[in-house]
Amino acid sequence: MSLKFITRPGRETDHPFIFSSFLKSYRSAMNKDLVGDGVFFRVMHKQLERLLGRDRLIVAVVDGDEDEILGWALGGDAKLHYVYTKKSFRGKGVATRLIEGLVKAKAIWYTFHGPGAEGFICALEARRPWRLRYSPRAA
């Protein structure tokens, strides 16, 4: 049975999940010896706050339950800050559909490099006409 989900614009009520999932996910990709938790969470929370106020957030939800978030993406026409999918829904097309609903360009700058990014980007580029390039300064 295939997963039935829809995408919708992000809402302010989604923000607690967005902050929690981003901070935990991105933190897991960082060398914890270089930056302490306090500094990391304070700085990245402010950064995400700024991006949420400026760029577009779209959310994948269970079809029929718009409060059950499966994943989300934040960015713009040629920019992808971050895409997140709950572990149990990875590999089911959620992240791809989120990116399709967010990004309009074929050349995409991505600004955060989280866990699993290399494999995910290679798989995306093999299946879609996108070319993703890492640029943290584009944030």
C-alpha atoms as a PDB file:
ATOM      1  CA  MET A   1       0.000   0.000   0.000  1.00  0.00           C
ATOM      2  CA  SER A   2       1.456   3.374  -0.994  1.00  0.00           C
ATOM      3  CA  LEU A   3       1.692   6.276   1.389  1.00  0.00           C
ATOM      4  CA  LYS A   4      -1.052   8.849   0.835  1.00  0.00           C
ATOM      5  CA  PHE A   5       0.090  12.336   1.679  1.00  0.00           C
ATOM      6  CA  ILE A   6      -0.374  15.900   0.518  1.00  0.00           C
ATOM      7  CA  THR A   7       1.725  19.018   0.787  1.00  0.00           C
ATOM      8  CA  ARG A   8       0.538  22.348   2.114  1.00  0.00           C
ATOM      9  CA  PRO A   9       2.076  25.706   3.051  1.00  0.00           C
ATOM     10  CA  GLY A  10       3.674  25.712   6.468  1.00  0.00           C
ATOM     11  CA  ARG A  11       1.803  27.282   9.366  1.00  0.00           C
ATOM     12  CA  GLU A  12       2.999  28.920  12.538  1.00  0.00           C
ATOM     13  CA  THR A  13       1.529  25.971  14.457  1.00  0.00           C
ATOM     14  CA  ASP A  14       4.064  23.751  12.614  1.00  0.00           C
ATOM     15  CA  HIS A  15       7.027  25.727  13.935  1.00  0.00           C
ATOM     16  CA  PRO A  16       7.627  23.736  17.151  1.00  0.00           C
ATOM     17  CA  PHE A  17       8.050  20.560  15.079  1.00  0.00           C
ATOM     18  CA  ILE A  18      10.175  22.381  12.488  1.00  0.00           C
ATOM     19  CA  PHE A  19      12.537  23.771  15.138  1.00  0.00           C
ATOM     20  CA  SER A  20      12.810  20.473  17.010  1.00  0.00           C
ATOM     21  CA  SER A  21      13.386  18.292  13.935  1.00  0.00           C
ATOM     22  CA  PHE A  22      15.868  20.716  12.342  1.00  0.00           C
ATOM     23  CA  LEU A  23      17.922  21.287  15.483  1.00  0.00           C
ATOM     24  CA  LYS A  24      18.142  17.583  16.371  1.00  0.00           C
ATOM     25  CA  SER A  25      18.775  16.438  12.814  1.00  0.00           C
ATOM     26  CA  TYR A  26      21.353  19.087  11.975  1.00  0.00           C
ATOM     27  CA  ARG A  27      23.087  18.719  15.330  1.00  0.00           C
ATOM     28  CA  SER A  28      23.577  15.013  14.668  1.00  0.00           C
ATOM     29  CA  ALA A  29      25.646  15.934  11.592  1.00  0.00           C
ATOM     30  CA  MET A  30      27.970  18.271  13.484  1.00  0.00           C
ATOM     31  CA  ASN A  31      31.209  17.504  15.290  1.00  0.00           C
ATOM     32  CA  LYS A  32      30.132  18.032  18.886  1.00  0.00           C
ATOM     33  CA  ASP A  33      33.740  18.715  19.937  1.00  0.00           C
ATOM     34  CA  LEU A  34      33.914  21.872  17.820  1.00  0.00           C
ATOM     35  CA  VAL A  35      30.835  23.638  19.178  1.00  0.00           C
ATOM     36  CA  GLY A  36      29.018  23.091  22.455  1.00  0.00           C
ATOM     37  CA  ASP A  37      25.306  22.372  22.591  1.00  0.00           C
ATOM     38  CA  GLY A  38      24.406  25.727  24.147  1.00  0.00           C
ATOM     39  CA  VAL A  39      26.090  27.774  21.429  1.00  0.00           C
ATOM     40  CA  PHE A  40      24.866  25.493  18.647  1.00  0.00           C
ATOM     41  CA  PHE A  41      21.207  25.549  19.689  1.00  0.00           C
ATOM     42  CA  ARG A  42      21.162  29.295  20.366  1.00  0.00           C
ATOM     43  CA  VAL A  43      22.818  30.274  17.073  1.00  0.00           C
ATOM     44  CA  MET A  44      20.947  27.798  14.869  1.00  0.00           C
ATOM     45  CA  HIS A  45      17.585  28.612  16.472  1.00  0.00           C
ATOM     46  CA  LYS A  46      18.115  32.283  15.541  1.00  0.00           C
ATOM     47  CA  GLN A  47      19.192  31.317  12.022  1.00  0.00           C
ATOM     48  CA  LEU A  48      16.128  29.135  11.488  1.00  0.00           C
ATOM     49  CA  GLU A  49      13.867  31.864  12.898  1.00  0.00           C
ATOM     50  CA  ARG A  50      15.287  34.293  10.341  1.00  0.00           C
ATOM     51  CA  LEU A  51      14.828  31.850   7.448  1.00  0.00           C
ATOM     52  CA  LEU A  52      11.251  31.001   8.462  1.00  0.00           C
ATOM     53  CA  GLY A  53      10.444  34.713   8.451  1.00  0.00           C
ATOM     54  CA  ARG A  54      11.936  35.223   5.000  1.00  0.00           C
ATOM     55  CA  ASP A  55      11.556  32.067   2.900  1.00  0.00           C
ATOM     56  CA  ARG A  56       8.842  29.520   2.100  1.00  0.00           C
ATOM     57  CA  LEU A  57       8.010  26.496   4.223  1.00  0.00           C
ATOM     58  CA  ILE A  58       6.006  23.608   2.848  1.00  0.00           C
ATOM     59  CA  VAL A  59       4.928  20.596   4.840  1.00  0.00           C
ATOM     60  CA  ALA A  60       3.983  17.028   3.874  1.00  0.00           C
ATOM     61  CA  VAL A  61       1.073  15.701   5.921  1.00  0.00           C
ATOM     62  CA  VAL A  62      -1.037  12.565   6.007  1.00  0.00           C
ATOM     63  CA  ASP A  63      -3.909  12.860   3.558  1.00  0.00           C
ATOM     64  CA  GLY A  64      -6.936  13.458   5.774  1.00  0.00           C
ATOM     65  CA  ASP A  65      -4.959  14.701   8.798  1.00  0.00           C
ATOM     66  CA  GLU A  66      -3.196  17.991   8.079  1.00  0.00           C
ATOM     67  CA  ASP A  67      -1.704  18.073  11.580  1.00  0.00           C
ATOM     68  CA  GLU A  68       0.243  14.808  11.145  1.00  0.00           C
ATOM     69  CA  ILE A  69       3.526  16.050   9.675  1.00  0.00           C
ATOM     70  CA  LEU A  70       5.638  13.585   7.681  1.00  0.00           C
ATOM     71  CA  GLY A  71       8.292  16.078   6.581  1.00  0.00           C
ATOM     72  CA  TRP A  72       8.996  19.637   5.528  1.00  0.00           C
ATOM     73  CA  ALA A  73      11.175  21.760   3.255  1.00  0.00           C
ATOM     74  CA  LEU A  74      12.323  25.358   3.569  1.00  0.00           C
ATOM     75  CA  GLY A  75      13.715  27.507   0.756  1.00  0.00           C
ATOM     76  CA  GLY A  76      12.678  29.309  -2.399  1.00  0.00           C
ATOM     77  CA  ASP A  77      12.696  29.157  -6.189  1.00  0.00           C
ATOM     78  CA  ALA A  78      16.390  28.236  -6.583  1.00  0.00           C
ATOM     79  CA  LYS A  79      17.347  27.640  -2.964  1.00  0.00           C
ATOM     80  CA  LEU A  80      16.835  24.744  -0.573  1.00  0.00           C
ATOM     81  CA  HIS A  81      17.807  25.396   3.023  1.00  0.00           C
ATOM     82  CA  TYR A  82      16.746  22.056   4.440  1.00  0.00           C
ATOM     83  CA  VAL A  83      14.451  19.148   3.762  1.00  0.00           C
ATOM     84  CA  TYR A  84      13.456  16.811   6.557  1.00  0.00           C
ATOM     85  CA  THR A  85      11.433  13.600   6.541  1.00  0.00           C
ATOM     86  CA  LYS A  86      10.585  11.493   9.581  1.00  0.00           C
ATOM     87  CA  LYS A  87      12.679   8.320   9.545  1.00  0.00           C
ATOM     88  CA  SER A  88       9.757   5.941   9.039  1.00  0.00           C
ATOM     89  CA  PHE A  89       8.694   7.819   5.875  1.00  0.00           C
ATOM     90  CA  ARG A  90      12.081   8.125   4.167  1.00  0.00           C
ATOM     91  CA  GLY A  91      12.435   6.528   0.746  1.00  0.00           C
ATOM     92  CA  LYS A  92       8.732   6.968  -0.008  1.00  0.00           C
ATOM     93  CA  GLY A  93       8.930  10.117  -2.141  1.00  0.00           C
ATOM     94  CA  VAL A  94       8.102  12.624   0.602  1.00  0.00           C
ATOM     95  CA  ALA A  95      11.277  14.717   0.315  1.00  0.00           C
ATOM     96  CA  THR A  96      11.186  14.657  -3.494  1.00  0.00           C
ATOM     97  CA  ARG A  97       7.591  15.902  -3.572  1.00  0.00           C
ATOM     98  CA  LEU A  98       8.429  18.631  -1.046  1.00  0.00           C
ATOM     99  CA  ILE A  99      11.329  19.853  -3.179  1.00  0.00           C
ATOM    100  CA  GLU A 100       9.168  19.741  -6.319  1.00  0.00           C
ATOM    101  CA  GLY A 101       6.609  21.943  -4.577  1.00  0.00           C
ATOM    102  CA  LEU A 102       9.195  24.419  -3.346  1.00  0.00           C
ATOM    103  CA  VAL A 103      11.955  24.813  -5.925  1.00  0.00           C
ATOM    104  CA  LYS A 104      11.271  26.022  -9.456  1.00  0.00           C
ATOM    105  CA  ALA A 105      14.817  26.100 -10.863  1.00  0.00           C
ATOM    106  CA  LYS A 106      16.878  23.202 -12.151  1.00  0.00           C
ATOM    107  CA  ALA A 107      20.094  24.551 -10.604  1.00  0.00           C
ATOM    108  CA  ILE A 108      19.560  24.612  -6.855  1.00  0.00           C
ATOM    109  CA  TRP A 109      21.739  26.011  -4.102  1.00  0.00           C
ATOM    110  CA  TYR A 110      21.390  24.152  -0.815  1.00  0.00           C
ATOM    111  CA  THR A 111      22.542  25.876   2.338  1.00  0.00           C
ATOM    112  CA  PHE A 112      22.656  23.213   5.079  1.00  0.00           C
ATOM    113  CA  HIS A 113      24.390  19.879   4.748  1.00  0.00           C
ATOM    114  CA  GLY A 114      22.741  17.471   7.185  1.00  0.00           C
ATOM    115  CA  PRO A 115      22.987  13.756   7.839  1.00  0.00           C
ATOM    116  CA  GLY A 116      22.672  11.614   4.725  1.00  0.00           C
ATOM    117  CA  ALA A 117      22.971  14.585   2.365  1.00  0.00           C
ATOM    118  CA  GLU A 118      25.477  13.081  -0.080  1.00  0.00           C
ATOM    119  CA  GLY A 119      23.494   9.934  -0.822  1.00  0.00           C
ATOM    120  CA  PHE A 120      20.208  11.810  -0.993  1.00  0.00           C
ATOM    121  CA  ILE A 121      21.601  14.415  -3.417  1.00  0.00           C
ATOM    122  CA  CYS A 122      23.117  11.763  -5.696  1.00  0.00           C
ATOM    123  CA  ALA A 123      19.792   9.897  -5.783  1.00  0.00           C
ATOM    124  CA  LEU A 124      17.858  13.093  -6.544  1.00  0.00           C
ATOM    125  CA  GLU A 125      20.185  14.130  -9.337  1.00  0.00           C
ATOM    126  CA  ALA A 126      19.917  10.661 -10.881  1.00  0.00           C
ATOM    127  CA  ARG A 127      16.090  10.797 -10.957  1.00  0.00           C
ATOM    128  CA  ARG A 128      15.381  14.495 -11.591  1.00  0.00           C
ATOM    129  CA  PRO A 129      16.804  17.221 -13.841  1.00  0.00           C
ATOM    130  CA  TRP A 130      18.110  19.096 -10.788  1.00  0.00           C
ATOM    131  CA  ARG A 131      21.727  19.986 -10.105  1.00  0.00           C
ATOM    132  CA  LEU A 132      22.336  20.762  -6.444  1.00  0.00           C
ATOM    133  CA  ARG A 133      25.325  22.758  -5.237  1.00  0.00           C
ATOM    134  CA  TYR A 134      26.263  23.443  -1.637  1.00  0.00           C
ATOM    135  CA  SER A 135      26.561  27.092  -0.618  1.00  0.00           C
ATOM    136  CA  PRO A 136      26.127  27.903   3.078  1.00  0.00           C
ATOM    137  CA  ARG A 137      26.465  31.607   2.251  1.00  0.00           C
ATOM    138  CA  ALA A 138      23.216  31.501   0.257  1.00  0.00           C
ATOM    139  CA  ALA A 139      21.327  31.222   3.555  1.00  0.00           C
END
